[in-house]
């Protein structure tokens, strides 16, 4: 039985440089408007009174997001043509020959992982750089990260090393799809569903 693969992400190391996103876009020659890996900036804060002075108490952190090759991939469940499938290693891929571009998977995925390519009329998505992995190399996003915030491998190994946390703002409730993603949280990380901040760069996501 093949080991299920997943990603790890350390919020404490990410500086928001977006090298992962650029590397993914360059490697797959993605058109304008299609980004399989994106970096969200989550920020917020309040003012606190210190004597006669009000001082800011603010926070900001980054989260690199792509397909999480979920244990219960909703994109696979809603695809009417079976174009979206999950392999023995847990990697979710889209069969271009079966895809009709209905975009059901795009609408259903809480991570916006499947993305529509208007030039082909079909859906596209991260396959964790299957060709690189076949050659024993890291996915492009992982290899490009200068601070080594991103990792990948058998998800059970990643969970043993980093824990099981994946419920951090601005990510959705992991109960929806059970993502194969583990996060080392930033010191100011807000819990999913109860965060006090907001995404500062929604136009990039």
N, C-alpha and C. Protein backbone atom coordinates (compact mmCIF):
# COMPACT_ATOMS: atom_id res chain seq x y z
N UNK A 1 0.84 -1.20 0.00
CA UNK A 1 0.00 0.00 0.00
C UNK A 1 0.88 1.25 0.00
N UNK A 2 0.64 2.15 -0.95
CA UNK A 2 1.47 3.34 -1.09
C UNK A 2 1.27 4.30 0.08
N UNK A 3 2.36 4.95 0.49
CA UNK A 3 2.26 5.96 1.53
C UNK A 3 1.58 7.20 0.98
N UNK A 4 0.72 7.81 1.76
CA UNK A 4 0.02 9.02 1.35
C UNK A 4 0.93 10.22 1.56
N UNK A 5 1.01 11.06 0.56
CA UNK A 5 1.91 12.21 0.61
C UNK A 5 1.17 13.47 1.04
N UNK A 6 1.91 14.42 1.56
CA UNK A 6 1.32 15.69 1.96
C UNK A 6 2.38 16.77 2.08
N UNK A 7 1.95 17.96 2.51
CA UNK A 7 2.84 19.10 2.68
C UNK A 7 2.95 19.46 4.16
N UNK A 8 4.08 20.04 4.53
CA UNK A 8 4.22 20.70 5.82
C UNK A 8 4.56 22.16 5.57
N UNK A 9 4.15 23.02 6.51
CA UNK A 9 4.42 24.44 6.36
C UNK A 9 4.69 25.05 7.73
N UNK A 10 5.81 25.77 7.83
CA UNK A 10 6.20 26.40 9.08
C UNK A 10 5.95 27.91 8.98
N UNK A 11 4.88 28.37 9.61
CA UNK A 11 4.56 29.80 9.57
C UNK A 11 5.63 30.65 10.23
N UNK A 12 6.37 30.07 11.15
CA UNK A 12 7.39 30.86 11.86
C UNK A 12 8.57 31.19 10.96
N UNK A 13 8.73 30.46 9.87
CA UNK A 13 9.87 30.68 8.97
C UNK A 13 9.51 31.48 7.73
N UNK A 14 8.23 31.56 7.39
CA UNK A 14 7.82 32.20 6.14
C UNK A 14 7.87 33.72 6.27
N UNK A 15 8.55 34.38 5.31
CA UNK A 15 8.62 35.84 5.31
C UNK A 15 7.79 36.47 4.20
N UNK A 16 6.97 35.65 3.54
CA UNK A 16 6.07 36.18 2.52
C UNK A 16 6.74 36.56 1.21
N UNK A 17 7.89 35.98 0.92
CA UNK A 17 8.62 36.37 -0.30
C UNK A 17 7.94 35.88 -1.58
N UNK A 18 7.10 34.85 -1.48
CA UNK A 18 6.35 34.29 -2.61
C UNK A 18 7.22 33.55 -3.62
N UNK A 19 8.43 33.17 -3.22
CA UNK A 19 9.29 32.39 -4.12
C UNK A 19 8.62 31.07 -4.49
N UNK A 20 7.88 30.49 -3.56
CA UNK A 20 7.18 29.23 -3.83
C UNK A 20 6.15 29.40 -4.94
N UNK A 21 5.42 30.49 -4.88
CA UNK A 21 4.39 30.77 -5.87
C UNK A 21 5.01 31.03 -7.24
N UNK A 22 6.08 31.81 -7.26
CA UNK A 22 6.76 32.13 -8.52
C UNK A 22 7.36 30.86 -9.14
N UNK A 23 7.97 30.03 -8.32
CA UNK A 23 8.59 28.81 -8.83
C UNK A 23 7.56 27.87 -9.43
N UNK A 24 6.40 27.76 -8.76
CA UNK A 24 5.32 26.91 -9.28
C UNK A 24 4.82 27.44 -10.61
N UNK A 25 4.59 28.73 -10.66
CA UNK A 25 4.05 29.35 -11.88
C UNK A 25 5.03 29.20 -13.05
N UNK A 26 6.32 29.37 -12.75
CA UNK A 26 7.34 29.26 -13.79
C UNK A 26 7.50 27.82 -14.26
N UNK A 27 7.55 26.88 -13.31
CA UNK A 27 7.77 25.49 -13.65
C UNK A 27 6.66 24.94 -14.55
N UNK A 28 5.41 25.32 -14.26
CA UNK A 28 4.27 24.80 -15.00
C UNK A 28 3.79 25.73 -16.10
N UNK A 29 4.49 26.86 -16.28
CA UNK A 29 4.15 27.83 -17.33
C UNK A 29 2.68 28.21 -17.26
N UNK A 30 2.24 28.60 -16.07
CA UNK A 30 0.83 28.92 -15.85
C UNK A 30 0.49 30.30 -16.41
N UNK A 31 -0.69 30.44 -17.00
CA UNK A 31 -1.09 31.72 -17.57
C UNK A 31 -1.46 32.74 -16.49
N UNK A 32 -1.59 33.98 -16.90
CA UNK A 32 -2.02 35.03 -15.98
C UNK A 32 -3.38 34.67 -15.38
N UNK A 33 -3.50 34.82 -14.07
CA UNK A 33 -4.75 34.52 -13.40
C UNK A 33 -4.84 33.11 -12.83
N UNK A 34 -3.86 32.26 -13.18
CA UNK A 34 -3.84 30.89 -12.65
C UNK A 34 -2.61 30.73 -11.77
N UNK A 35 -2.83 30.46 -10.50
CA UNK A 35 -1.73 30.28 -9.54
C UNK A 35 -2.07 29.08 -8.65
N UNK A 36 -1.31 28.03 -8.81
CA UNK A 36 -1.59 26.82 -8.03
C UNK A 36 -1.13 26.95 -6.58
N UNK A 37 -0.10 27.75 -6.34
CA UNK A 37 0.33 28.03 -4.96
C UNK A 37 0.30 29.53 -4.75
N UNK A 38 -0.36 29.91 -3.65
CA UNK A 38 -0.52 31.33 -3.32
C UNK A 38 -0.10 31.57 -1.87
N UNK A 39 0.25 32.81 -1.57
CA UNK A 39 0.68 33.15 -0.21
C UNK A 39 -0.26 34.22 0.35
N UNK A 40 -0.94 33.86 1.43
CA UNK A 40 -1.86 34.79 2.08
C UNK A 40 -1.18 35.51 3.23
N UNK A 41 -1.44 36.82 3.33
CA UNK A 41 -0.98 37.60 4.48
C UNK A 41 -2.17 37.84 5.40
N UNK A 42 -2.07 37.34 6.60
CA UNK A 42 -3.14 37.48 7.58
C UNK A 42 -2.67 38.44 8.66
N UNK A 43 -3.44 39.51 8.89
CA UNK A 43 -2.99 40.53 9.83
C UNK A 43 -4.16 41.12 10.58
N UNK A 44 -3.85 41.76 11.69
CA UNK A 44 -4.87 42.40 12.50
C UNK A 44 -4.24 42.98 13.75
N UNK A 45 -5.08 43.31 14.72
CA UNK A 45 -4.57 43.85 15.97
C UNK A 45 -5.51 44.86 16.58
N UNK A 46 -5.12 45.36 17.72
CA UNK A 46 -5.94 46.33 18.46
C UNK A 46 -5.04 47.39 19.08
N UNK A 47 -5.69 48.38 19.66
CA UNK A 47 -4.98 49.39 20.44
C UNK A 47 -5.16 49.08 21.91
N UNK A 48 -4.09 49.27 22.68
CA UNK A 48 -4.16 49.07 24.13
C UNK A 48 -3.72 50.34 24.84
N UNK A 49 -4.38 50.61 25.94
CA UNK A 49 -4.05 51.81 26.70
C UNK A 49 -2.90 51.52 27.67
N UNK A 50 -1.91 52.39 27.65
CA UNK A 50 -0.77 52.30 28.56
C UNK A 50 -0.62 53.65 29.24
N UNK A 51 -1.29 53.81 30.37
CA UNK A 51 -1.31 55.11 31.03
C UNK A 51 -2.14 56.09 30.23
N UNK A 52 -1.51 57.17 29.81
CA UNK A 52 -2.19 58.17 29.00
C UNK A 52 -1.96 57.97 27.51
N UNK A 53 -1.36 56.86 27.16
CA UNK A 53 -1.00 56.61 25.77
C UNK A 53 -1.67 55.34 25.26
N UNK A 54 -2.09 55.37 23.98
CA UNK A 54 -2.59 54.17 23.32
C UNK A 54 -1.49 53.60 22.43
N UNK A 55 -1.18 52.34 22.63
CA UNK A 55 -0.13 51.70 21.85
C UNK A 55 -0.72 50.57 21.02
N UNK A 56 -0.17 50.33 19.82
CA UNK A 56 -0.72 49.26 18.98
C UNK A 56 -0.25 47.89 19.42
N UNK A 57 -1.14 46.93 19.30
CA UNK A 57 -0.81 45.52 19.53
C UNK A 57 -1.23 44.78 18.26
N UNK A 58 -0.33 44.70 17.30
CA UNK A 58 -0.67 44.19 15.98
C UNK A 58 0.08 42.90 15.68
N UNK A 59 -0.41 42.17 14.68
CA UNK A 59 0.26 40.94 14.26
C UNK A 59 0.10 40.78 12.75
N UNK A 60 0.99 40.00 12.17
CA UNK A 60 0.92 39.67 10.75
C UNK A 60 1.73 38.41 10.51
N UNK A 61 1.17 37.49 9.73
CA UNK A 61 1.92 36.29 9.38
C UNK A 61 1.44 35.79 8.02
N UNK A 62 2.22 34.90 7.43
CA UNK A 62 1.97 34.43 6.07
C UNK A 62 1.62 32.94 6.07
N UNK A 63 0.83 32.55 5.09
CA UNK A 63 0.48 31.14 4.91
C UNK A 63 0.55 30.79 3.43
N UNK A 64 1.42 29.85 3.09
CA UNK A 64 1.54 29.37 1.71
C UNK A 64 0.51 28.27 1.49
N UNK A 65 -0.29 28.42 0.43
CA UNK A 65 -1.43 27.52 0.20
C UNK A 65 -1.40 26.94 -1.21
N UNK A 66 -1.69 25.66 -1.30
CA UNK A 66 -1.85 24.99 -2.60
C UNK A 66 -2.84 23.85 -2.39
N UNK A 67 -2.91 22.92 -3.33
CA UNK A 67 -3.74 21.74 -3.12
C UNK A 67 -3.16 20.93 -1.97
N UNK A 68 -4.03 20.49 -1.08
CA UNK A 68 -3.60 19.72 0.08
C UNK A 68 -3.81 18.21 -0.11
N UNK A 69 -4.23 17.80 -1.31
CA UNK A 69 -4.39 16.38 -1.63
C UNK A 69 -5.09 15.67 -0.46
N UNK A 70 -6.28 16.17 -0.20
CA UNK A 70 -7.03 15.85 1.02
C UNK A 70 -7.40 14.37 1.14
N UNK A 71 -7.64 13.96 2.37
CA UNK A 71 -8.09 12.60 2.62
C UNK A 71 -9.52 12.39 2.12
N UNK A 72 -10.30 13.47 2.10
CA UNK A 72 -11.67 13.42 1.58
C UNK A 72 -11.83 14.55 0.55
N UNK A 73 -11.20 14.41 -0.62
CA UNK A 73 -11.17 15.50 -1.60
C UNK A 73 -12.55 15.78 -2.20
N UNK A 74 -13.13 16.90 -1.83
CA UNK A 74 -14.46 17.24 -2.31
C UNK A 74 -14.47 17.47 -3.81
N UNK A 75 -13.33 17.86 -4.37
CA UNK A 75 -13.24 18.08 -5.81
C UNK A 75 -13.49 16.78 -6.57
N UNK A 76 -13.00 15.66 -6.03
CA UNK A 76 -13.20 14.35 -6.66
C UNK A 76 -14.67 13.96 -6.56
N UNK A 77 -15.27 14.24 -5.42
CA UNK A 77 -16.67 13.83 -5.20
C UNK A 77 -17.64 14.57 -6.11
N UNK A 78 -17.37 15.84 -6.42
CA UNK A 78 -18.33 16.62 -7.21
C UNK A 78 -18.08 16.56 -8.71
N UNK A 79 -16.95 16.02 -9.14
CA UNK A 79 -16.65 16.00 -10.58
C UNK A 79 -17.60 15.06 -11.31
N UNK A 80 -18.39 15.57 -12.27
CA UNK A 80 -19.39 14.73 -12.94
C UNK A 80 -18.81 13.82 -14.02
N UNK A 81 -17.56 14.05 -14.43
CA UNK A 81 -16.99 13.25 -15.51
C UNK A 81 -15.88 12.32 -15.05
N UNK A 82 -15.62 12.27 -13.75
CA UNK A 82 -14.52 11.51 -13.15
C UNK A 82 -13.15 11.96 -13.66
N UNK A 83 -13.07 13.21 -14.10
CA UNK A 83 -11.78 13.75 -14.53
C UNK A 83 -10.85 13.96 -13.34
N UNK A 84 -11.44 14.28 -12.19
CA UNK A 84 -10.66 14.51 -10.98
C UNK A 84 -10.55 13.19 -10.22
N UNK A 85 -9.32 12.72 -10.04
CA UNK A 85 -9.12 11.43 -9.38
C UNK A 85 -8.00 11.53 -8.34
N UNK A 86 -8.02 10.56 -7.42
CA UNK A 86 -6.97 10.50 -6.40
C UNK A 86 -6.22 9.19 -6.54
N UNK A 87 -4.89 9.28 -6.65
CA UNK A 87 -4.07 8.10 -6.84
C UNK A 87 -3.77 7.38 -5.54
N UNK A 88 -3.09 6.24 -5.62
CA UNK A 88 -2.76 5.45 -4.44
C UNK A 88 -1.90 6.22 -3.43
N UNK A 89 -1.13 7.20 -3.91
CA UNK A 89 -0.29 7.99 -3.00
C UNK A 89 -1.02 9.20 -2.44
N UNK A 90 -2.33 9.30 -2.76
CA UNK A 90 -3.13 10.40 -2.24
C UNK A 90 -3.11 11.66 -3.09
N UNK A 91 -2.30 11.70 -4.13
CA UNK A 91 -2.20 12.89 -4.97
C UNK A 91 -3.43 12.99 -5.87
N UNK A 92 -4.06 14.16 -5.86
CA UNK A 92 -5.25 14.41 -6.68
C UNK A 92 -4.82 15.05 -7.99
N UNK A 93 -5.27 14.48 -9.09
CA UNK A 93 -4.92 14.99 -10.42
C UNK A 93 -6.18 15.14 -11.27
N UNK A 94 -6.05 15.92 -12.35
CA UNK A 94 -7.16 16.11 -13.26
C UNK A 94 -6.79 15.55 -14.63
N UNK A 95 -7.66 14.71 -15.17
CA UNK A 95 -7.46 14.10 -16.49
C UNK A 95 -7.98 15.07 -17.54
N UNK A 96 -7.07 15.64 -18.31
CA UNK A 96 -7.43 16.67 -19.29
C UNK A 96 -8.37 16.12 -20.36
N UNK A 97 -8.27 14.83 -20.65
CA UNK A 97 -9.12 14.23 -21.68
C UNK A 97 -10.56 14.10 -21.23
N UNK A 98 -10.79 14.04 -19.91
CA UNK A 98 -12.15 13.89 -19.38
C UNK A 98 -12.76 15.21 -18.92
N UNK A 99 -11.92 16.19 -18.64
CA UNK A 99 -12.42 17.45 -18.09
C UNK A 99 -13.21 18.24 -19.13
N UNK A 100 -14.39 18.72 -18.74
CA UNK A 100 -15.22 19.53 -19.63
C UNK A 100 -15.27 20.98 -19.18
N UNK A 101 -14.51 21.32 -18.14
CA UNK A 101 -14.44 22.71 -17.69
C UNK A 101 -15.69 23.21 -17.01
N UNK A 102 -16.44 22.32 -16.36
CA UNK A 102 -17.68 22.75 -15.71
C UNK A 102 -17.42 23.58 -14.46
N UNK A 103 -16.23 23.45 -13.89
CA UNK A 103 -15.76 24.22 -12.73
C UNK A 103 -16.43 23.84 -11.42
N UNK A 104 -17.13 22.71 -11.38
CA UNK A 104 -17.72 22.27 -10.12
C UNK A 104 -16.65 22.09 -9.04
N UNK A 105 -15.50 21.53 -9.43
CA UNK A 105 -14.43 21.29 -8.47
C UNK A 105 -13.91 22.61 -7.90
N UNK A 106 -13.81 23.61 -8.76
CA UNK A 106 -13.33 24.92 -8.33
C UNK A 106 -14.27 25.52 -7.29
N UNK A 107 -15.56 25.42 -7.54
CA UNK A 107 -16.55 26.01 -6.63
C UNK A 107 -16.60 25.25 -5.30
N UNK A 108 -16.34 23.94 -5.34
CA UNK A 108 -16.48 23.12 -4.14
C UNK A 108 -15.26 23.18 -3.23
N UNK A 109 -14.07 23.33 -3.80
CA UNK A 109 -12.85 23.26 -3.01
C UNK A 109 -12.69 24.47 -2.10
N UNK A 110 -12.56 24.28 -0.79
CA UNK A 110 -12.42 25.42 0.12
C UNK A 110 -11.06 26.08 0.04
N UNK A 111 -10.10 25.45 -0.65
CA UNK A 111 -8.76 26.00 -0.79
C UNK A 111 -8.52 26.65 -2.15
N UNK A 112 -9.53 26.64 -3.03
CA UNK A 112 -9.39 27.18 -4.39
C UNK A 112 -8.23 26.53 -5.14
N UNK A 113 -8.05 25.23 -4.91
CA UNK A 113 -6.94 24.53 -5.54
C UNK A 113 -7.14 24.29 -7.04
N UNK A 114 -8.27 23.69 -7.48
CA UNK A 114 -8.47 23.55 -8.93
C UNK A 114 -8.73 24.93 -9.55
N UNK A 115 -8.05 25.22 -10.63
CA UNK A 115 -8.20 26.53 -11.26
C UNK A 115 -8.43 26.38 -12.77
N UNK A 116 -9.30 27.22 -13.27
CA UNK A 116 -9.73 27.14 -14.67
C UNK A 116 -8.75 27.87 -15.57
N UNK A 117 -8.34 27.18 -16.64
CA UNK A 117 -7.48 27.79 -17.66
C UNK A 117 -8.35 28.17 -18.85
N UNK A 118 -8.62 29.47 -19.05
CA UNK A 118 -9.50 29.88 -20.14
C UNK A 118 -8.95 29.56 -21.52
N UNK A 119 -7.65 29.39 -21.64
CA UNK A 119 -7.06 29.09 -22.95
C UNK A 119 -7.40 27.68 -23.41
N UNK A 120 -7.53 26.75 -22.46
CA UNK A 120 -7.82 25.36 -22.81
C UNK A 120 -9.27 24.99 -22.50
N UNK A 121 -9.93 25.78 -21.64
CA UNK A 121 -11.29 25.46 -21.23
C UNK A 121 -11.37 24.32 -20.24
N UNK A 122 -10.23 23.99 -19.62
CA UNK A 122 -10.17 22.87 -18.68
C UNK A 122 -9.63 23.33 -17.32
N UNK A 123 -9.85 22.49 -16.33
CA UNK A 123 -9.34 22.75 -15.00
C UNK A 123 -7.87 22.33 -14.91
N UNK A 124 -7.13 22.99 -14.04
CA UNK A 124 -5.74 22.66 -13.79
C UNK A 124 -5.50 22.66 -12.29
N UNK A 125 -4.46 22.00 -11.85
CA UNK A 125 -4.16 22.00 -10.42
C UNK A 125 -2.78 21.41 -10.13
N UNK A 126 -2.35 21.62 -8.91
CA UNK A 126 -1.09 21.07 -8.41
C UNK A 126 -1.13 19.54 -8.38
N UNK A 127 -0.06 18.91 -8.87
CA UNK A 127 0.08 17.45 -8.73
C UNK A 127 1.34 17.13 -7.92
N UNK A 128 1.77 18.11 -7.12
CA UNK A 128 2.97 17.99 -6.30
C UNK A 128 4.18 17.66 -7.16
N UNK A 129 4.21 18.26 -8.36
CA UNK A 129 5.32 18.09 -9.30
C UNK A 129 5.67 16.61 -9.48
N UNK A 130 4.72 15.87 -10.04
CA UNK A 130 4.89 14.43 -10.22
C UNK A 130 6.16 14.09 -10.99
N UNK A 131 6.50 14.88 -12.00
CA UNK A 131 7.69 14.60 -12.79
C UNK A 131 8.96 14.79 -11.98
N UNK A 132 9.00 15.83 -11.15
CA UNK A 132 10.18 16.04 -10.30
C UNK A 132 10.30 14.90 -9.28
N UNK A 133 9.17 14.54 -8.66
CA UNK A 133 9.21 13.48 -7.65
C UNK A 133 9.67 12.16 -8.24
N UNK A 134 9.30 11.91 -9.50
CA UNK A 134 9.70 10.66 -10.17
C UNK A 134 11.21 10.59 -10.35
N UNK A 135 11.85 11.77 -10.39
CA UNK A 135 13.30 11.84 -10.54
C UNK A 135 14.00 11.98 -9.19
N UNK A 136 13.23 11.87 -8.10
CA UNK A 136 13.83 11.98 -6.77
C UNK A 136 14.06 13.40 -6.32
N UNK A 137 13.41 14.38 -6.99
CA UNK A 137 13.59 15.78 -6.64
C UNK A 137 12.40 16.30 -5.85
N UNK A 138 12.60 17.42 -5.18
CA UNK A 138 11.53 18.07 -4.44
C UNK A 138 10.58 18.79 -5.39
N UNK A 139 9.32 18.95 -5.01
CA UNK A 139 8.42 19.82 -5.77
C UNK A 139 9.04 21.22 -5.90
N UNK A 140 8.71 21.92 -6.97
CA UNK A 140 9.33 23.21 -7.26
C UNK A 140 9.15 24.21 -6.12
N UNK A 141 7.95 24.23 -5.52
CA UNK A 141 7.69 25.20 -4.45
C UNK A 141 8.57 24.93 -3.24
N UNK A 142 8.76 23.66 -2.89
CA UNK A 142 9.58 23.29 -1.75
C UNK A 142 11.03 23.64 -2.00
N UNK A 143 11.51 23.31 -3.20
CA UNK A 143 12.91 23.57 -3.53
C UNK A 143 13.24 25.06 -3.56
N UNK A 144 12.24 25.89 -3.93
CA UNK A 144 12.48 27.31 -4.08
C UNK A 144 12.44 28.10 -2.77
N UNK A 145 11.86 27.53 -1.73
CA UNK A 145 11.67 28.28 -0.48
C UNK A 145 13.02 28.59 0.17
N UNK A 146 13.40 29.87 0.27
CA UNK A 146 14.73 30.20 0.81
C UNK A 146 14.84 29.97 2.31
N UNK A 147 13.72 29.97 3.02
CA UNK A 147 13.76 29.79 4.47
C UNK A 147 13.40 28.37 4.90
N UNK A 148 13.15 27.50 3.90
CA UNK A 148 12.78 26.10 4.15
C UNK A 148 11.52 25.99 5.01
N UNK A 149 10.57 26.86 4.73
CA UNK A 149 9.29 26.81 5.44
C UNK A 149 8.40 25.70 4.92
N UNK A 150 8.60 25.30 3.67
CA UNK A 150 7.79 24.26 3.05
C UNK A 150 8.51 22.92 3.06
N UNK A 151 7.73 21.86 3.27
CA UNK A 151 8.27 20.52 3.18
C UNK A 151 7.23 19.59 2.58
N UNK A 152 7.62 18.38 2.28
CA UNK A 152 6.69 17.40 1.73
C UNK A 152 7.19 16.01 2.09
N UNK A 153 6.32 15.03 1.95
CA UNK A 153 6.70 13.65 2.21
C UNK A 153 5.51 12.85 2.67
N UNK A 154 5.72 11.62 3.13
CA UNK A 154 4.62 10.82 3.68
C UNK A 154 3.96 11.59 4.82
N UNK A 155 2.65 11.75 4.75
CA UNK A 155 1.95 12.61 5.70
C UNK A 155 2.08 12.11 7.14
N UNK A 156 2.13 10.79 7.33
CA UNK A 156 2.27 10.28 8.69
C UNK A 156 3.63 10.64 9.28
N UNK A 157 4.66 10.66 8.44
CA UNK A 157 5.99 11.09 8.90
C UNK A 157 5.97 12.58 9.25
N UNK A 158 5.32 13.36 8.42
CA UNK A 158 5.24 14.81 8.68
C UNK A 158 4.46 15.08 9.97
N UNK A 159 3.39 14.34 10.18
CA UNK A 159 2.61 14.53 11.40
C UNK A 159 3.39 14.12 12.63
N UNK A 160 4.19 13.07 12.52
CA UNK A 160 5.01 12.63 13.64
C UNK A 160 6.07 13.67 13.99
N UNK A 161 6.56 14.36 12.95
CA UNK A 161 7.62 15.35 13.16
C UNK A 161 7.08 16.72 13.56
N UNK A 162 5.95 17.13 12.96
CA UNK A 162 5.47 18.49 13.14
C UNK A 162 4.16 18.61 13.89
N UNK A 163 3.49 17.50 14.19
CA UNK A 163 2.17 17.56 14.81
C UNK A 163 1.08 17.48 13.75
N UNK A 164 -0.15 17.69 14.17
CA UNK A 164 -1.28 17.51 13.26
C UNK A 164 -2.06 18.79 12.96
N UNK A 165 -1.60 19.93 13.46
CA UNK A 165 -2.34 21.17 13.32
C UNK A 165 -2.50 21.60 11.87
N UNK A 166 -3.74 21.88 11.46
CA UNK A 166 -4.01 22.47 10.14
C UNK A 166 -5.16 23.47 10.22
N UNK A 167 -5.61 23.75 11.46
CA UNK A 167 -6.74 24.67 11.66
C UNK A 167 -6.23 26.03 12.10
N UNK A 168 -5.66 26.77 11.15
CA UNK A 168 -5.09 28.09 11.42
C UNK A 168 -5.63 29.07 10.40
N UNK A 169 -6.03 30.26 10.86
CA UNK A 169 -6.48 31.29 9.93
C UNK A 169 -5.33 31.66 8.98
N UNK A 170 -5.64 31.90 7.69
CA UNK A 170 -6.98 32.02 7.10
C UNK A 170 -7.47 30.74 6.41
N UNK A 171 -6.97 29.59 6.81
CA UNK A 171 -7.39 28.34 6.19
C UNK A 171 -8.78 27.93 6.69
N UNK A 172 -9.54 27.22 5.85
CA UNK A 172 -10.88 26.77 6.25
C UNK A 172 -10.81 25.64 7.26
N UNK A 173 -11.96 25.29 7.79
CA UNK A 173 -12.07 24.20 8.75
C UNK A 173 -11.56 22.91 8.11
N UNK A 174 -10.54 22.28 8.69
CA UNK A 174 -10.00 21.05 8.08
C UNK A 174 -10.98 19.89 8.08
N UNK A 175 -12.04 19.98 8.86
CA UNK A 175 -13.02 18.89 8.89
C UNK A 175 -13.76 18.76 7.56
N UNK A 176 -13.74 19.80 6.74
CA UNK A 176 -14.46 19.77 5.46
C UNK A 176 -13.87 18.72 4.52
N UNK A 177 -12.53 18.70 4.41
CA UNK A 177 -11.89 17.79 3.46
C UNK A 177 -10.76 16.97 4.05
N UNK A 178 -10.40 17.21 5.29
CA UNK A 178 -9.29 16.54 5.96
C UNK A 178 -7.99 16.65 5.13
N UNK A 179 -7.43 17.84 5.06
CA UNK A 179 -6.24 18.07 4.25
C UNK A 179 -5.01 17.33 4.76
N UNK A 180 -4.17 16.90 3.82
CA UNK A 180 -2.88 16.31 4.19
C UNK A 180 -1.86 17.45 4.26
N UNK A 181 -2.00 18.21 5.33
CA UNK A 181 -1.18 19.39 5.57
C UNK A 181 -0.96 19.53 7.06
N UNK A 182 0.28 19.79 7.45
CA UNK A 182 0.58 20.08 8.85
C UNK A 182 1.26 21.44 8.93
N UNK A 183 0.89 22.20 9.95
CA UNK A 183 1.39 23.57 10.09
C UNK A 183 2.06 23.75 11.44
N UNK A 184 3.25 24.33 11.41
CA UNK A 184 3.88 24.83 12.63
C UNK A 184 3.43 26.28 12.77
N UNK A 185 2.61 26.60 13.76
CA UNK A 185 1.97 27.91 13.79
C UNK A 185 2.90 29.05 14.22
N UNK A 186 2.64 30.22 13.65
CA UNK A 186 3.28 31.46 14.07
C UNK A 186 2.86 31.76 15.50
N UNK A 187 3.67 32.50 16.22
CA UNK A 187 3.34 32.80 17.63
C UNK A 187 2.02 33.56 17.77
N UNK A 188 1.65 34.29 16.70
CA UNK A 188 0.40 35.05 16.74
C UNK A 188 -0.71 34.38 15.93
N UNK A 189 -0.52 33.11 15.56
CA UNK A 189 -1.50 32.42 14.72
C UNK A 189 -2.87 32.41 15.38
N UNK A 190 -3.89 32.68 14.55
CA UNK A 190 -5.26 32.71 15.01
C UNK A 190 -5.95 31.40 14.64
N UNK A 191 -6.76 30.83 15.51
CA UNK A 191 -7.45 29.58 15.20
C UNK A 191 -8.49 29.78 14.08
N UNK A 192 -8.62 28.79 13.24
CA UNK A 192 -9.62 28.84 12.18
C UNK A 192 -11.02 29.06 12.77
N UNK A 193 -11.73 30.03 12.21
CA UNK A 193 -13.10 30.29 12.63
C UNK A 193 -13.24 31.26 13.78
N UNK A 194 -12.12 31.60 14.43
CA UNK A 194 -12.22 32.54 15.54
C UNK A 194 -11.13 33.61 15.50
N UNK A 195 -10.56 33.80 14.32
CA UNK A 195 -9.51 34.79 14.18
C UNK A 195 -10.03 36.21 14.28
N UNK A 196 -9.16 37.11 14.69
CA UNK A 196 -9.53 38.51 14.84
C UNK A 196 -8.99 39.37 13.72
N UNK A 197 -8.24 38.76 12.80
CA UNK A 197 -7.64 39.52 11.72
C UNK A 197 -8.38 39.32 10.40
N UNK A 198 -7.69 39.67 9.32
CA UNK A 198 -8.27 39.53 7.98
C UNK A 198 -7.14 39.33 6.98
N UNK A 199 -7.48 38.84 5.79
CA UNK A 199 -6.50 38.65 4.73
C UNK A 199 -6.23 40.00 4.08
N UNK A 200 -4.96 40.38 4.07
CA UNK A 200 -4.57 41.70 3.57
C UNK A 200 -4.36 41.74 2.06
N UNK A 201 -4.26 40.59 1.41
CA UNK A 201 -4.01 40.55 -0.03
C UNK A 201 -4.99 39.64 -0.77
N UNK A 202 -6.30 39.85 -0.60
CA UNK A 202 -7.28 38.94 -1.21
C UNK A 202 -7.20 38.88 -2.73
N UNK A 203 -6.72 39.95 -3.35
CA UNK A 203 -6.64 39.98 -4.82
C UNK A 203 -5.61 38.99 -5.35
N UNK A 204 -4.72 38.51 -4.51
CA UNK A 204 -3.68 37.56 -4.93
C UNK A 204 -4.11 36.10 -4.73
N UNK A 205 -5.25 35.90 -4.10
CA UNK A 205 -5.67 34.55 -3.76
C UNK A 205 -6.78 34.05 -4.65
